[in-house]
Amino acid sequence: MTPTKKITTSKAGAEIEIKDWINGQDAEYIDEALMKGVKITPNMANKSAQVSDFNTAVINEQAHREIEKFVVSVNGSTENVLKTILELPEDDYNFVKDEISTRRTKKKLSEVAGQ
């Protein structure tokens, strides 16, 4: 089982149980949303790629997938977690997204070894 931590939002006082980390399969599921929203055309002649047709809606889809995979419960309930997070005040919503972002940031080997 993945270790979790409980955090409390500042405005609504919601208690959020959040995973410390996710597995590779969940990470690929989250990242897939972003890749679906962009067209990449490789240019083999100069070993580059052209990025075009970026669909900005995938940014929200990616954030929703992160919440689905990281947040275990809100105020002890595992029901409708995404909906509940989206209904929090904006500052609290951003706090949860920041907590997820911190967990997704790659750690240096020295940081991991020191834990």
Protein backbone atom coordinates (compact mmCIF):
# COMPACT_ATOMS: atom_id res chain seq x y z
CA MET A 1 0.00 0.00 0.00
CA THR A 2 1.23 3.48 -0.88
CA PRO A 3 2.02 5.68 2.13
CA THR A 4 -0.28 8.68 2.55
CA LYS A 5 -0.27 11.98 4.40
CA LYS A 6 -3.17 14.06 5.68
CA ILE A 7 -3.14 17.75 4.86
CA THR A 8 -5.70 20.42 5.74
CA THR A 9 -6.79 23.20 3.41
CA SER A 10 -6.71 26.76 4.76
CA LYS A 11 -10.08 28.14 3.66
CA ALA A 12 -12.54 25.23 3.89
CA GLY A 13 -10.56 23.29 6.49
CA ALA A 14 -10.97 20.13 4.40
CA GLU A 15 -8.83 17.17 5.45
CA ILE A 16 -7.23 15.68 2.36
CA GLU A 17 -5.57 12.26 2.45
CA ILE A 18 -2.97 12.25 -0.31
CA LYS A 19 -0.55 9.58 -1.53
CA ASP A 20 3.17 10.22 -1.08
CA TRP A 21 3.83 8.78 -4.54
CA ILE A 22 2.19 6.91 -7.41
CA ASN A 23 3.36 4.01 -9.52
CA GLY A 24 4.55 4.17 -13.12
CA GLN A 25 1.24 3.00 -14.53
CA ASP A 26 -0.60 5.87 -12.85
CA ALA A 27 2.06 8.35 -13.99
CA GLU A 28 1.68 7.19 -17.59
CA TYR A 29 -2.12 7.52 -17.32
CA ILE A 30 -1.73 11.12 -16.13
CA ASP A 31 0.86 12.05 -18.76
CA GLU A 32 -1.17 10.44 -21.55
CA ALA A 33 -3.74 13.24 -21.27
CA LEU A 34 -1.14 15.82 -22.27
CA MET A 35 0.17 13.75 -25.15
CA LYS A 36 -3.35 13.34 -26.57
CA GLY A 37 -3.71 17.10 -26.76
CA VAL A 38 -0.76 17.90 -28.97
CA LYS A 39 0.24 16.98 -32.52
CA ILE A 40 3.92 16.15 -32.92
CA THR A 41 5.38 15.82 -36.43
CA PRO A 42 8.93 14.47 -36.55
CA ASN A 43 11.41 15.91 -39.04
CA MET A 44 13.97 13.20 -39.65
CA ALA A 45 16.13 15.40 -41.90
CA ASN A 46 17.20 17.73 -39.12
CA LYS A 47 16.34 15.44 -36.19
CA SER A 48 13.71 17.75 -34.74
CA ALA A 49 9.97 17.81 -34.25
CA GLN A 50 7.20 20.27 -35.00
CA VAL A 51 4.65 20.72 -32.21
CA SER A 52 1.25 22.04 -33.25
CA ASP A 53 -2.48 21.95 -32.59
CA PHE A 54 -2.19 22.10 -28.81
CA ASN A 55 -5.58 21.56 -27.16
CA THR A 56 -5.53 23.52 -23.88
CA ALA A 57 -8.44 21.47 -22.48
CA VAL A 58 -5.96 18.67 -21.79
CA ILE A 59 -4.37 20.76 -19.03
CA ASN A 60 -7.54 20.42 -16.95
CA GLU A 61 -7.87 16.76 -17.89
CA GLN A 62 -4.32 16.14 -16.68
CA ALA A 63 -5.03 17.96 -13.39
CA HIS A 64 -8.18 15.88 -12.90
CA ARG A 65 -6.25 12.66 -13.52
CA GLU A 66 -3.64 13.73 -10.97
CA ILE A 67 -6.34 14.33 -8.37
CA GLU A 68 -7.94 10.97 -9.16
CA LYS A 69 -4.64 9.12 -8.70
CA PHE A 70 -3.18 11.04 -5.73
CA VAL A 71 -6.10 12.01 -3.50
CA VAL A 72 -7.39 9.08 -1.44
CA SER A 73 -10.12 10.87 0.51
CA VAL A 74 -11.61 14.23 1.44
CA ASN A 75 -12.88 14.58 5.02
CA GLY A 76 -12.67 10.80 5.37
CA SER A 77 -14.82 10.05 2.32
CA THR A 78 -13.53 8.25 -0.76
CA GLU A 79 -16.71 9.04 -2.72
CA ASN A 80 -16.68 11.71 -5.46
CA VAL A 81 -13.15 12.85 -4.57
CA LEU A 82 -12.58 14.78 -7.81
CA LYS A 83 -15.95 16.55 -7.60
CA THR A 84 -15.32 17.44 -3.96
CA ILE A 85 -11.87 18.86 -4.70
CA LEU A 86 -13.26 20.89 -7.62
CA GLU A 87 -15.91 22.38 -5.32
CA LEU A 88 -13.32 23.66 -2.81
CA PRO A 89 -12.41 27.37 -2.78
CA GLU A 90 -9.85 28.18 -5.47
CA ASP A 91 -7.03 28.70 -2.93
CA ASP A 92 -7.67 25.24 -1.48
CA TYR A 93 -7.90 23.67 -4.96
CA ASN A 94 -4.55 25.25 -5.87
CA PHE A 95 -3.07 24.06 -2.56
CA VAL A 96 -4.03 20.46 -3.43
CA LYS A 97 -2.61 20.83 -6.95
CA ASP A 98 0.64 22.21 -5.50
CA GLU A 99 0.89 19.28 -3.09
CA ILE A 100 0.45 16.88 -6.01
CA SER A 101 3.02 18.77 -8.07
CA THR A 102 5.54 18.51 -5.23
CA ARG A 103 5.05 14.75 -5.17
CA ARG A 104 5.44 14.46 -8.95
CA THR A 105 8.68 16.46 -9.02
CA LYS A 106 11.62 14.19 -9.52
CA LYS A 107 13.80 13.99 -6.45
CA LYS A 108 17.58 14.01 -6.54
CA LEU A 109 19.18 10.70 -5.67
CA SER A 110 20.78 12.27 -2.61
CA GLU A 111 17.35 13.36 -1.31
CA VAL A 112 15.91 9.87 -1.74
CA ALA A 113 18.92 8.23 -0.08
CA GLY A 114 18.65 10.62 2.88
CA GLN A 115 15.05 9.66 3.66
